[in-house]
Amino acid sequence: MKVEEIEHEALALPERDRVTLLSKLLATLPPADTQIADEVVEQRERDLDSGKTAAISQAEFVRRVQANRGA
């Protein structure tokens, strides 16, 4: 079975079944590397405090990500 066929079948499932399938698929993936060094966090805080960079809202962040992805 091709990935496109599996995708078509999965998208036709009821929401509860799609969530169950998603959970099972995610459990098979390695954890994301989300570690940020303390030094990076501290530098970002200094940049914000000094005005070198500006904070943005979560909504603005999402808008920018979507724009960069062509959504």
C-alpha atoms as a PDB file:
ATOM      1  CA  MET A   1       0.000   0.000   0.000  1.00  0.00           C
ATOM      2  CA  LYS A   2       1.369   3.446  -0.928  1.00  0.00           C
ATOM      3  CA  VAL A   3       1.649   6.308   1.530  1.00  0.00           C
ATOM      4  CA  GLU A   4      -0.964   8.268  -0.439  1.00  0.00           C
ATOM      5  CA  GLU A   5      -3.425   5.394  -0.073  1.00  0.00           C
ATOM      6  CA  ILE A   6      -2.778   5.124   3.652  1.00  0.00           C
ATOM      7  CA  GLU A   7      -3.214   8.880   4.015  1.00  0.00           C
ATOM      8  CA  HIS A   8      -6.520   8.774   2.124  1.00  0.00           C
ATOM      9  CA  GLU A   9      -7.797   5.945   4.300  1.00  0.00           C
ATOM     10  CA  ALA A  10      -6.599   7.604   7.524  1.00  0.00           C
ATOM     11  CA  LEU A  11      -8.260  10.922   6.668  1.00  0.00           C
ATOM     12  CA  ALA A  12     -11.541   9.095   6.110  1.00  0.00           C
ATOM     13  CA  LEU A  13     -11.515   7.737   9.676  1.00  0.00           C
ATOM     14  CA  PRO A  14     -13.690   9.279  12.381  1.00  0.00           C
ATOM     15  CA  GLU A  15     -11.908  11.897  14.491  1.00  0.00           C
ATOM     16  CA  ARG A  16     -11.509   9.608  17.508  1.00  0.00           C
ATOM     17  CA  ASP A  17      -9.819   6.939  15.370  1.00  0.00           C
ATOM     18  CA  ARG A  18      -7.536   9.530  13.717  1.00  0.00           C
ATOM     19  CA  VAL A  19      -6.450  10.743  17.157  1.00  0.00           C
ATOM     20  CA  THR A  20      -5.731   7.173  18.265  1.00  0.00           C
ATOM     21  CA  LEU A  21      -3.732   6.516  15.097  1.00  0.00           C
ATOM     22  CA  LEU A  22      -1.826   9.766  15.486  1.00  0.00           C
ATOM     23  CA  SER A  23      -0.953   8.931  19.069  1.00  0.00           C
ATOM     24  CA  LYS A  24       0.366   5.518  18.054  1.00  0.00           C
ATOM     25  CA  LEU A  25       2.408   6.966  15.175  1.00  0.00           C
ATOM     26  CA  LEU A  26       3.912   9.708  17.338  1.00  0.00           C
ATOM     27  CA  ALA A  27       4.906   7.125  19.927  1.00  0.00           C
ATOM     28  CA  THR A  28       7.129   5.469  17.304  1.00  0.00           C
ATOM     29  CA  LEU A  29       9.168   8.621  16.659  1.00  0.00           C
ATOM     30  CA  PRO A  30      12.224   9.692  18.625  1.00  0.00           C
ATOM     31  CA  PRO A  31      11.692  12.646  20.946  1.00  0.00           C
ATOM     32  CA  ALA A  32      12.296  16.059  19.428  1.00  0.00           C
ATOM     33  CA  ASP A  33      15.514  17.766  20.401  1.00  0.00           C
ATOM     34  CA  THR A  34      14.117  20.797  22.186  1.00  0.00           C
ATOM     35  CA  GLN A  35      17.016  21.481  24.501  1.00  0.00           C
ATOM     36  CA  ILE A  36      18.243  25.066  24.445  1.00  0.00           C
ATOM     37  CA  ALA A  37      21.502  25.900  26.155  1.00  0.00           C
ATOM     38  CA  ASP A  38      21.256  28.187  29.174  1.00  0.00           C
ATOM     39  CA  GLU A  39      23.660  30.560  27.442  1.00  0.00           C
ATOM     40  CA  VAL A  40      21.266  30.955  24.516  1.00  0.00           C
ATOM     41  CA  VAL A  41      18.337  31.682  26.827  1.00  0.00           C
ATOM     42  CA  GLU A  42      20.389  34.223  28.770  1.00  0.00           C
ATOM     43  CA  GLN A  43      21.531  35.958  25.565  1.00  0.00           C
ATOM     44  CA  ARG A  44      17.954  36.157  24.307  1.00  0.00           C
ATOM     45  CA  GLU A  45      16.867  37.684  27.628  1.00  0.00           C
ATOM     46  CA  ARG A  46      19.675  40.258  27.388  1.00  0.00           C
ATOM     47  CA  ASP A  47      18.651  41.072  23.812  1.00  0.00           C
ATOM     48  CA  LEU A  48      15.046  41.624  24.915  1.00  0.00           C
ATOM     49  CA  ASP A  49      16.055  43.699  27.939  1.00  0.00           C
ATOM     50  CA  SER A  50      18.374  45.888  25.890  1.00  0.00           C
ATOM     51  CA  GLY A  51      15.842  46.461  23.126  1.00  0.00           C
ATOM     52  CA  LYS A  52      18.067  44.750  20.551  1.00  0.00           C
ATOM     53  CA  THR A  53      15.135  42.466  19.771  1.00  0.00           C
ATOM     54  CA  ALA A  54      11.423  42.836  20.393  1.00  0.00           C
ATOM     55  CA  ALA A  55       8.986  40.269  21.720  1.00  0.00           C
ATOM     56  CA  ILE A  56       6.082  39.255  19.505  1.00  0.00           C
ATOM     57  CA  SER A  57       2.764  37.662  20.370  1.00  0.00           C
ATOM     58  CA  GLN A  58       2.021  34.013  19.765  1.00  0.00           C
ATOM     59  CA  ALA A  59      -0.478  35.056  17.076  1.00  0.00           C
ATOM     60  CA  GLU A  60       2.199  37.094  15.290  1.00  0.00           C
ATOM     61  CA  PHE A  61       4.634  34.191  15.534  1.00  0.00           C
ATOM     62  CA  VAL A  62       2.096  31.830  13.951  1.00  0.00           C
ATOM     63  CA  ARG A  63       1.311  34.399  11.231  1.00  0.00           C
ATOM     64  CA  ARG A  64       5.016  34.721  10.355  1.00  0.00           C
ATOM     65  CA  VAL A  65       5.584  30.958  10.306  1.00  0.00           C
ATOM     66  CA  GLN A  66       2.579  30.471   8.035  1.00  0.00           C
ATOM     67  CA  ALA A  67       3.735  33.268   5.753  1.00  0.00           C
ATOM     68  CA  ASN A  68       7.194  31.700   5.477  1.00  0.00           C
ATOM     69  CA  ARG A  69       5.624  28.357   4.642  1.00  0.00           C
ATOM     70  CA  GLY A  70       3.407  29.900   1.991  1.00  0.00           C
ATOM     71  CA  ALA A  71       0.214  29.057   3.861  1.00  0.00           C
END
